[in-house]
Amino acid sequence: MKRIGLIGGMSWESTAVYYRLLNEAVRGAGGPLDSADILLHSLNFADVVAQQKAGRWDLAGAMLADSAARLERAGADCVLICTNTMHLVSAAVAGAVSIPLIDIIAETGAALRAARARRPLLLATRYTMEHGFYADRLEAACGLRPLVPDAGDRETVHRVIFEELCAGRVLDASRRELMAIVERGVAAGADSVILGCTEIVLSLDPDALPVPGFDSTAIHAAAAARFALAGRDQLRERMVA
């Protein structure tokens, strides 16, 4: 089995979801006592948020690149940025290592394309919705035409993420607000929804939306598990031979 390197802590609530999903996938492919081979470097999210607010994506990128390099030196066979927003600096992270960066945008786009979705509503942090890097990559690589909520709804989604979900607070009132935003997106032409923040799944069930929902965290973790288990299968084939 290959070793998965996680750049986590952004927030640790969503990193915990990654840990659970990766271990469930490995156990499901093996046996009840099988678990994933994981290295985790958990950053102080407050430090990352400070750079986001200051617009210092260069410094944030350097922070994550350093984390990726540490994971590679420790023996990781791949690396994941366990957050959607910080894929804004994915090029800096990929450039700091010689191991694969499993990219959440690429994997989510591939899942949407396989499902023949064309016009997804992107729910994410304000940075992800407004900087354009996420939607631009989905359009360029996968031919998708993402929608984002209007300014007021973007502010609501951002507030729920940072003030509630990242702090471990999951409120029914906020879930209703998010569902109303989804319904407005569908009315505007969305044929699917990307839960494009690793914490949103704590509030919204992708299977309970009026159109197909795509949980970027689950898609990302599944891709990492496939990478790790392919290594295990190759090792077993060599042992049998």
Protein backbone atom coordinates (compact mmCIF):
# COMPACT_ATOMS: atom_id res chain seq x y z
CA MET A 1 0.00 0.00 0.00
CA LYS A 2 1.27 3.46 -0.84
CA ARG A 3 1.56 6.12 1.86
CA ILE A 4 -0.79 9.12 1.69
CA GLY A 5 0.49 12.51 2.80
CA LEU A 6 -2.15 14.93 4.04
CA ILE A 7 -1.69 18.69 4.42
CA GLY A 8 -4.46 19.18 6.95
CA GLY A 9 -5.76 21.40 9.70
CA MET A 10 -7.67 23.72 7.31
CA SER A 11 -9.89 23.13 9.23
CA TRP A 12 -9.20 20.12 11.41
CA GLU A 13 -12.93 19.26 11.31
CA SER A 14 -12.67 18.49 7.60
CA THR A 15 -9.30 16.78 8.04
CA ALA A 16 -10.99 14.38 10.44
CA VAL A 17 -13.47 13.57 7.66
CA TYR A 18 -10.56 12.79 5.32
CA TYR A 19 -9.04 10.47 7.92
CA ARG A 20 -12.32 8.59 8.36
CA LEU A 21 -13.04 8.30 4.63
CA LEU A 22 -9.55 7.06 3.76
CA ASN A 23 -9.60 4.41 6.46
CA GLU A 24 -13.12 3.30 5.56
CA ALA A 25 -12.06 2.89 1.93
CA VAL A 26 -9.03 0.79 2.80
CA ARG A 27 -10.98 -1.33 5.26
CA GLY A 28 -13.69 -1.87 2.66
CA ALA A 29 -11.14 -3.01 0.10
CA GLY A 30 -9.34 -5.26 2.55
CA GLY A 31 -10.63 -6.55 5.83
CA PRO A 32 -12.06 -5.27 9.14
CA LEU A 33 -8.59 -4.57 10.58
CA ASP A 34 -7.11 -2.90 7.49
CA SER A 35 -6.39 0.83 7.69
CA ALA A 36 -4.71 3.42 5.52
CA ASP A 37 -1.02 4.29 5.65
CA ILE A 38 -1.24 8.04 6.32
CA LEU A 39 1.14 10.85 7.19
CA LEU A 40 -0.57 14.03 8.39
CA HIS A 41 0.93 17.48 8.80
CA SER A 42 -1.77 19.55 10.46
CA LEU A 43 -1.27 23.30 10.06
CA ASN A 44 -2.55 26.00 12.37
CA PHE A 45 -5.57 27.19 10.43
CA ALA A 46 -5.41 30.63 12.07
CA ASP A 47 -2.05 31.22 10.40
CA VAL A 48 -3.45 30.24 7.00
CA VAL A 49 -6.56 32.40 7.42
CA ALA A 50 -4.39 35.40 8.34
CA GLN A 51 -2.60 35.11 4.99
CA GLN A 52 -5.92 34.65 3.15
CA LYS A 53 -7.37 37.80 4.70
CA ALA A 54 -4.22 39.75 3.89
CA GLY A 55 -4.26 38.52 0.29
CA ARG A 56 -0.80 37.04 0.78
CA TRP A 57 -1.38 33.90 -1.24
CA ASP A 58 2.36 33.79 -1.94
CA LEU A 59 3.09 33.32 1.76
CA ALA A 60 0.25 30.83 2.14
CA GLY A 61 1.60 28.91 -0.85
CA ALA A 62 5.07 28.83 0.69
CA MET A 63 3.59 27.51 3.93
CA LEU A 64 1.81 24.65 2.18
CA ALA A 65 4.77 23.93 -0.10
CA ASP A 66 6.95 23.52 2.98
CA SER A 67 4.36 21.15 4.44
CA ALA A 68 4.33 19.05 1.26
CA ALA A 69 8.12 18.84 1.23
CA ARG A 70 8.11 17.69 4.86
CA LEU A 71 5.63 14.95 4.01
CA GLU A 72 7.73 13.78 1.08
CA ARG A 73 10.86 13.65 3.24
CA ALA A 74 8.92 11.63 5.80
CA GLY A 75 8.07 9.00 3.17
CA ALA A 76 4.75 10.03 1.61
CA ASP A 77 4.07 8.63 -1.88
CA CYS A 78 1.53 11.32 -2.74
CA VAL A 79 0.24 14.51 -1.19
CA LEU A 80 -3.23 16.01 -0.76
CA ILE A 81 -4.19 19.57 0.16
CA CYS A 82 -7.15 18.85 2.43
CA THR A 83 -9.07 21.98 1.49
CA ASN A 84 -10.58 23.35 -1.71
CA THR A 85 -9.63 26.99 -1.22
CA MET A 86 -5.93 26.36 -0.85
CA HIS A 87 -5.83 24.73 -4.27
CA LEU A 88 -5.44 28.33 -5.37
CA VAL A 89 -1.75 27.69 -4.50
CA SER A 90 -1.62 24.11 -5.80
CA ALA A 91 1.06 24.96 -8.38
CA ALA A 92 3.43 26.05 -5.62
CA VAL A 93 2.73 22.88 -3.68
CA ALA A 94 3.17 20.60 -6.69
CA GLY A 95 6.40 22.35 -7.57
CA ALA A 96 7.87 21.69 -4.13
CA VAL A 97 7.72 17.88 -4.40
CA SER A 98 8.55 15.08 -6.80
CA ILE A 99 5.59 12.93 -5.70
CA PRO A 100 2.08 13.32 -7.19
CA LEU A 101 -0.27 16.00 -5.90
CA ILE A 102 -3.77 14.53 -6.03
CA ASP A 103 -5.81 17.57 -7.01
CA ILE A 104 -9.32 18.10 -5.68
CA ILE A 105 -10.41 20.29 -8.61
CA ALA A 106 -9.27 17.78 -11.22
CA GLU A 107 -10.93 14.88 -9.41
CA THR A 108 -14.19 16.74 -8.81
CA GLY A 109 -14.32 17.89 -12.42
CA ALA A 110 -13.75 14.33 -13.64
CA ALA A 111 -16.62 13.09 -11.44
CA LEU A 112 -18.97 15.75 -12.80
CA ARG A 113 -18.01 14.99 -16.38
CA ALA A 114 -18.53 11.25 -15.83
CA ALA A 115 -22.02 12.02 -14.51
CA ARG A 116 -22.66 14.26 -17.55
CA ALA A 117 -23.29 17.31 -15.40
CA ARG A 118 -22.69 20.57 -17.24
CA ARG A 119 -23.81 23.52 -15.13
CA PRO A 120 -22.85 22.98 -11.48
CA LEU A 121 -23.55 25.44 -8.69
CA LEU A 122 -20.33 25.98 -6.75
CA LEU A 123 -20.76 26.37 -2.98
CA ALA A 124 -17.48 27.25 -1.32
CA THR A 125 -15.60 29.95 0.54
CA ARG A 126 -15.74 33.45 -0.88
CA TYR A 127 -12.14 33.04 -2.03
CA THR A 128 -12.98 29.94 -4.06
CA MET A 129 -16.17 31.38 -5.51
CA GLU A 130 -14.75 34.81 -6.35
CA HIS A 131 -11.11 34.28 -7.35
CA GLY A 132 -12.17 32.26 -10.38
CA PHE A 133 -9.38 29.69 -10.24
CA TYR A 134 -11.76 26.82 -9.43
CA ALA A 135 -14.42 27.63 -12.01
CA ASP A 136 -11.82 28.47 -14.66
CA ARG A 137 -10.10 25.12 -14.26
CA LEU A 138 -13.40 23.23 -14.36
CA GLU A 139 -14.31 25.00 -17.58
CA ALA A 140 -10.91 24.61 -19.24
CA ALA A 141 -10.29 20.97 -18.31
CA CYS A 142 -13.79 19.53 -18.20
CA GLY A 143 -15.96 21.78 -20.34
CA LEU A 144 -18.18 22.72 -17.39
CA ARG A 145 -19.94 26.06 -16.97
CA PRO A 146 -20.09 26.60 -13.20
CA LEU A 147 -22.50 29.00 -11.52
CA VAL A 148 -21.78 30.84 -8.29
CA PRO A 149 -24.38 32.37 -5.96
CA ASP A 150 -25.00 36.11 -5.97
CA ALA A 151 -23.02 38.41 -3.67
CA GLY A 152 -25.38 38.14 -0.71
CA ASP A 153 -25.56 34.38 -0.90
CA ARG A 154 -21.78 34.12 -1.30
CA GLU A 155 -21.41 36.08 1.93
CA THR A 156 -23.84 33.74 3.68
CA VAL A 157 -22.00 30.61 2.55
CA HIS A 158 -18.64 32.11 3.56
CA ARG A 159 -19.98 33.10 6.98
CA VAL A 160 -21.44 29.66 7.66
CA ILE A 161 -18.16 28.01 6.70
CA PHE A 162 -15.80 30.17 8.75
CA GLU A 163 -17.93 31.20 11.71
CA GLU A 164 -19.75 27.90 12.19
CA LEU A 165 -18.53 24.78 10.37
CA CYS A 166 -14.81 25.48 10.83
CA ALA A 167 -15.54 26.02 14.51
CA GLY A 168 -17.42 22.73 14.83
CA ARG A 169 -20.90 24.32 14.91
CA VAL A 170 -23.55 22.73 12.66
CA LEU A 171 -26.79 24.68 12.90
CA ASP A 172 -30.17 23.71 11.46
CA ALA A 173 -30.97 27.34 10.64
CA SER A 174 -27.81 27.62 8.54
CA ARG A 175 -28.58 24.33 6.79
CA ARG A 176 -31.92 25.81 5.76
CA GLU A 177 -30.14 28.93 4.45
CA LEU A 178 -27.76 26.81 2.40
CA MET A 179 -30.64 24.75 1.01
CA ALA A 180 -32.41 27.95 -0.04
CA ILE A 181 -29.25 29.05 -1.86
CA VAL A 182 -29.16 25.69 -3.65
CA GLU A 183 -32.79 26.09 -4.68
CA ARG A 184 -32.08 29.55 -6.08
CA GLY A 185 -29.12 28.11 -8.00
CA VAL A 186 -31.30 25.39 -9.50
CA ALA A 187 -33.87 28.01 -10.50
CA ALA A 188 -31.03 29.88 -12.24
CA GLY A 189 -30.14 26.82 -14.29
CA ALA A 190 -27.81 24.67 -12.18
CA ASP A 191 -28.06 20.96 -12.98
CA SER A 192 -25.83 19.87 -10.08
CA VAL A 193 -24.11 21.20 -6.96
CA ILE A 194 -20.44 21.07 -6.01
CA LEU A 195 -19.92 21.05 -2.27
CA GLY A 196 -16.69 22.89 -2.93
CA CYS A 197 -15.60 23.42 0.63
CA THR A 198 -14.40 20.46 2.65
CA GLU A 199 -16.62 21.47 5.60
CA ILE A 200 -19.93 21.96 3.78
CA VAL A 201 -20.67 18.24 3.88
CA LEU A 202 -20.97 18.66 7.66
CA SER A 203 -24.15 20.63 6.95
CA LEU A 204 -25.47 19.51 3.56
CA ASP A 205 -26.09 15.92 2.47
CA PRO A 206 -25.19 15.70 -1.23
CA ASP A 207 -27.81 12.99 -1.67
CA ALA A 208 -30.59 15.18 -0.25
CA LEU A 209 -30.36 18.03 -2.77
CA PRO A 210 -32.87 18.75 -5.55
CA VAL A 211 -30.17 18.04 -8.17
CA PRO A 212 -27.15 15.69 -8.00
CA GLY A 213 -24.65 16.76 -5.36
CA PHE A 214 -20.90 16.19 -5.58
CA ASP A 215 -19.01 16.08 -2.29
CA SER A 216 -15.51 17.24 -3.18
CA THR A 217 -14.07 15.84 0.05
CA ALA A 218 -15.39 12.34 -0.59
CA ILE A 219 -14.28 12.48 -4.25
CA HIS A 220 -10.79 13.62 -3.24
CA ALA A 221 -10.42 10.98 -0.54
CA ALA A 222 -11.62 8.25 -2.90
CA ALA A 223 -8.98 9.25 -5.45
CA ALA A 224 -6.28 9.06 -2.78
CA ALA A 225 -7.51 5.65 -1.64
CA ARG A 226 -7.40 4.35 -5.22
CA PHE A 227 -3.82 5.59 -5.53
CA ALA A 228 -2.80 3.91 -2.28
CA LEU A 229 -4.59 0.64 -2.97
CA ALA A 230 -3.16 0.36 -6.47
CA GLY A 231 0.23 0.20 -4.79
CA ARG A 232 -0.98 -2.55 -2.49
CA ASP A 233 -2.39 -4.58 -5.36
CA GLN A 234 0.88 -4.26 -7.29
CA LEU A 235 2.83 -5.47 -4.24
CA ARG A 236 0.55 -8.48 -3.82
CA GLU A 237 0.96 -9.36 -7.52
CA ARG A 238 4.76 -9.33 -7.12
CA MET A 239 4.53 -11.50 -3.99
CA VAL A 240 2.33 -14.09 -5.75
CA ALA A 241 4.66 -14.18 -8.76
